[in-house]
Protein backbone atom coordinates (compact mmCIF):
# COMPACT_ATOMS: atom_id res chain seq x y z
CA MET A 1 98.22 -131.80 -153.54
CA SER A 2 96.51 -129.76 -150.84
CA GLU A 3 95.43 -126.27 -151.77
CA LEU A 4 97.46 -123.55 -150.07
CA LYS A 5 95.05 -121.59 -147.90
CA LEU A 6 95.80 -117.90 -147.58
CA SER A 7 95.59 -116.41 -144.15
CA TYR A 8 94.35 -112.89 -143.42
CA SER A 9 94.08 -110.45 -140.59
CA GLY A 10 90.60 -109.39 -139.53
CA TYR A 11 87.94 -109.70 -136.85
CA VAL A 12 86.26 -112.60 -135.10
CA CYS A 13 82.94 -112.33 -133.31
CA ALA A 14 82.17 -115.28 -130.99
CA PRO A 15 78.96 -115.46 -128.93
CA TYR A 16 79.50 -114.89 -125.21
CA LEU A 17 77.12 -117.35 -123.56
CA HIS A 18 78.65 -117.64 -120.05
CA ASN A 19 79.49 -121.29 -120.77
CA ARG A 20 82.76 -123.22 -120.86
CA ASP A 21 83.39 -122.57 -124.57
CA SER A 22 82.96 -118.79 -124.13
CA LEU A 23 85.20 -118.70 -121.06
CA GLU A 24 87.91 -120.82 -122.71
CA LEU A 25 87.94 -118.60 -125.80
CA LYS A 26 88.13 -115.48 -123.62
CA GLU A 27 91.10 -116.91 -121.67
CA SER A 28 92.86 -118.10 -124.81
CA TRP A 29 92.39 -114.82 -126.72
CA SER A 30 93.39 -112.69 -123.72
CA SER A 31 96.85 -114.29 -123.74
CA SER A 32 97.22 -115.01 -127.50
CA LYS A 33 99.90 -113.18 -129.50
CA ASN A 34 97.60 -113.57 -132.52
CA ILE A 35 94.97 -111.31 -130.91
CA GLU A 36 95.73 -107.58 -131.07
CA LYS A 37 92.58 -106.33 -129.34
CA LEU A 38 89.75 -108.02 -127.46
CA PHE A 39 86.39 -106.45 -126.64
CA PHE A 40 83.12 -107.40 -124.96
CA VAL A 41 80.35 -106.10 -127.23
CA THR A 42 76.61 -105.98 -127.85
CA GLY A 43 75.62 -107.07 -131.36
CA THR A 44 72.60 -105.69 -133.23
CA PHE A 45 71.66 -107.26 -136.56
CA SER A 46 69.84 -105.24 -139.19
CA SER A 47 66.31 -106.34 -140.08
CA ASP A 48 67.57 -107.36 -143.56
CA SER A 49 70.26 -109.69 -142.22
CA GLN A 50 68.38 -111.14 -139.23
CA PRO A 51 66.55 -113.92 -141.15
CA TYR A 52 69.92 -115.40 -142.20
CA PHE A 53 71.22 -115.54 -138.64
CA SER A 54 68.36 -116.69 -136.43
CA THR A 55 71.00 -118.24 -134.14
CA SER A 56 72.56 -114.88 -133.29
CA ALA A 57 73.42 -113.81 -129.75
CA ASN A 58 73.15 -110.49 -127.90
CA HIS A 59 76.68 -110.39 -126.52
CA TYR A 60 79.92 -111.29 -128.24
CA LEU A 61 83.64 -111.48 -127.72
CA LEU A 62 85.10 -109.40 -130.54
CA ALA A 63 88.78 -109.94 -131.31
CA LYS A 64 91.03 -108.29 -133.86
CA PHE A 65 93.43 -110.98 -135.11
CA LYS A 66 96.59 -111.21 -137.22
CA ASP A 67 96.18 -114.73 -138.66
CA SER A 68 92.77 -116.15 -139.61
CA SER A 69 93.98 -119.78 -139.78
CA ILE A 70 94.74 -119.77 -136.02
CA VAL A 71 91.35 -118.25 -135.19
CA GLU A 72 89.43 -120.69 -137.40
CA LYS A 73 91.18 -123.64 -135.75
CA GLU A 74 90.23 -122.29 -132.28
CA LEU A 75 86.60 -121.75 -133.31
CA SER A 76 86.38 -125.30 -134.71
CA GLN A 77 87.19 -126.55 -131.20
CA HIS A 78 84.47 -124.34 -129.66
CA VAL A 79 81.49 -124.65 -132.01
CA GLN A 80 78.43 -123.24 -130.24
CA GLU A 81 74.67 -123.15 -130.86
CA LYS A 82 74.90 -119.43 -131.59
CA THR A 83 76.72 -118.29 -134.74
CA SER A 84 80.37 -117.17 -134.69
CA PHE A 85 81.56 -114.81 -137.44
CA VAL A 86 85.02 -114.38 -138.96
CA PHE A 87 85.65 -111.31 -141.12
CA ASN A 88 88.85 -111.78 -143.17
CA ILE A 89 90.17 -108.43 -144.39
CA HIS A 90 91.71 -108.80 -147.87
CA ASP A 91 92.31 -105.10 -148.46
CA ASP A 92 92.76 -102.29 -145.95
CA LEU A 93 90.97 -99.27 -147.38
CA PHE A 94 92.67 -97.00 -144.81
CA GLU A 95 93.82 -96.66 -141.21
CA ARG A 96 94.46 -93.35 -139.45
CA GLU A 97 94.66 -91.68 -136.04
CA VAL A 98 91.32 -90.38 -134.78
CA LEU A 99 90.47 -88.56 -131.56
CA GLY A 100 88.68 -90.71 -128.98
CA GLU A 101 88.57 -94.42 -128.19
CA THR A 102 87.16 -97.06 -130.55
CA ASN A 103 83.63 -97.59 -129.27
CA PHE A 104 81.71 -98.94 -132.28
CA ILE A 105 82.35 -101.34 -135.15
CA SER A 106 79.92 -101.46 -138.05
CA ILE A 107 79.85 -104.26 -140.60
CA TYR A 108 78.29 -103.80 -144.04
CA TYR A 109 77.94 -105.79 -147.23
CA LEU A 110 77.86 -104.71 -150.84
CA GLU A 111 75.08 -106.39 -152.80
CA TYR A 112 77.22 -106.31 -155.93
CA GLY A 113 80.92 -107.09 -156.18
CA GLU A 114 82.41 -103.72 -157.05
CA ASP A 115 85.55 -103.26 -159.16
CA MET A 116 88.73 -101.52 -157.95
CA ASP A 117 87.65 -98.05 -159.13
CA ASP A 118 84.40 -98.39 -157.19
CA LEU A 119 86.24 -99.48 -154.05
CA VAL A 120 88.55 -96.46 -154.34
CA GLU A 121 85.48 -94.22 -154.55
CA ILE A 122 83.85 -95.94 -151.54
CA ALA A 123 87.10 -95.56 -149.56
CA GLY A 124 87.12 -91.84 -150.46
CA LEU A 125 83.55 -91.44 -149.19
CA LEU A 126 84.41 -93.20 -145.91
CA LEU A 127 87.55 -91.06 -145.50
CA LYS A 128 85.39 -87.94 -145.45
CA ARG A 129 83.75 -89.22 -142.24
CA GLU A 130 86.29 -88.05 -139.68
CA LYS A 131 85.32 -90.45 -136.87
CA ILE A 132 86.13 -93.58 -138.93
CA GLU A 133 89.64 -94.71 -138.00
CA VAL A 134 89.85 -98.04 -139.87
CA ALA A 135 88.06 -99.41 -142.93
CA GLY A 136 88.69 -102.72 -144.68
CA ILE A 137 87.04 -105.02 -147.21
CA GLY A 138 86.97 -108.79 -147.23
CA ASN A 139 84.81 -111.86 -146.77
CA MET A 140 82.87 -113.56 -143.98
CA THR A 141 82.77 -117.15 -142.76
CA THR A 142 80.52 -118.51 -140.01
CA THR A 143 80.44 -121.50 -137.67
CA CYS A 144 77.46 -122.80 -135.73
CA SER A 145 76.29 -126.19 -134.43
CA ILE A 146 72.78 -125.47 -135.81
CA PRO A 147 72.71 -125.23 -139.64
CA SER A 148 71.26 -122.00 -141.02
CA LYS A 149 68.01 -122.24 -142.99
CA PHE A 150 69.21 -119.68 -145.54
CA THR A 151 72.66 -119.05 -147.00
CA PHE A 152 73.77 -115.45 -146.72
CA PRO A 153 74.48 -114.46 -150.35
CA TYR A 154 76.84 -111.50 -149.86
CA SER A 155 79.58 -112.98 -147.69
CA GLU A 156 82.33 -112.22 -150.25
CA ASN A 157 81.69 -108.44 -150.19
CA MET A 158 82.02 -107.32 -146.57
CA ILE A 159 83.16 -103.87 -145.40
CA VAL A 160 84.18 -103.36 -141.77
CA ILE A 161 84.68 -99.94 -140.18
CA GLU A 162 85.95 -98.97 -136.74
CA VAL A 163 84.59 -95.73 -135.29
CA ALA A 164 86.16 -93.72 -132.48
CA SER A 165 83.95 -91.39 -130.50
CA GLU A 166 83.23 -90.26 -126.95
CA LYS A 167 79.51 -90.07 -127.74
CA SER A 168 76.83 -92.65 -126.90
CA HIS A 169 76.40 -95.82 -128.94
CA GLN A 170 73.02 -94.54 -130.18
CA SER A 171 74.67 -91.36 -131.44
CA VAL A 172 77.46 -93.32 -133.19
CA LYS A 173 74.91 -95.69 -134.73
CA LYS A 174 73.15 -92.64 -136.26
CA TYR A 175 76.54 -91.43 -137.53
CA CYS A 176 77.12 -94.82 -139.22
CA ASP A 177 73.59 -94.81 -140.68
CA GLN A 178 74.31 -91.40 -142.22
CA THR A 179 77.63 -92.72 -143.59
CA GLN A 180 75.78 -95.64 -145.18
CA ARG A 181 73.27 -93.24 -146.76
CA ASP A 182 76.12 -91.09 -148.15
CA VAL A 183 77.63 -94.15 -149.88
CA THR A 184 74.25 -95.40 -151.14
CA ARG A 185 73.45 -91.96 -152.57
CA LYS A 186 76.49 -92.33 -154.84
CA GLY A 187 74.97 -95.47 -156.37
CA PHE A 188 76.58 -98.25 -154.29
CA THR A 189 74.25 -100.74 -152.60
CA LEU A 190 75.81 -100.78 -149.14
CA SER A 191 73.68 -102.54 -146.49
CA ASN A 192 74.21 -102.94 -142.77
CA LEU A 193 74.78 -106.46 -141.48
CA LEU A 194 75.77 -105.98 -137.87
CA SER A 195 76.49 -103.14 -135.44
CA LEU A 196 78.81 -103.85 -132.51
CA SER A 197 78.72 -101.52 -129.50
CA ILE A 198 81.88 -101.89 -127.42
CA LEU A 199 81.02 -102.27 -123.72
CA ASP A 200 84.47 -103.18 -122.39
CA GLN A 201 88.02 -103.56 -123.69
CA LEU A 202 89.48 -106.83 -122.40
CA LYS A 203 92.88 -106.51 -124.09
């Protein structure tokens, strides 16, 4: 009997390499009912996470999807030499209206799997940061035609936040760094994986 695979909403980050695979994904996601939002972004990996993803790119297509199984099937048909990332959101910590447009998405990982009480406390800390409009927790899967030398050990404990601001990406990055410090100060080992600066909204 085949195992029933749960499907989740979340985010997919596919390298934009100006090749056929990138263009086909962009066309497909622009018209897909499964894709709620589509952005062209710059990705910056933290120094801690870089060694795990030596095949990272500078520019990505970032899509917010409703059903991970559809996205994973599409990625399997467009495996590239730079890593694609899927962030499946298992639990929405919160979503609210915030002034300004979404212009930054920051992805973190917890070095220890926290229990429900801890996650409630982390959500409370993130809620105090008024520019964060969405926060969710879940896992990460990757696809790449070149195998990674090292396995990223924290892929089950990912936290994704969307930030809305009219300020520059550098300013929002500092805001996210301060948020991370606030959470870490409370005893949670929250580390930055990837910062995504939104350059253009495609959908």
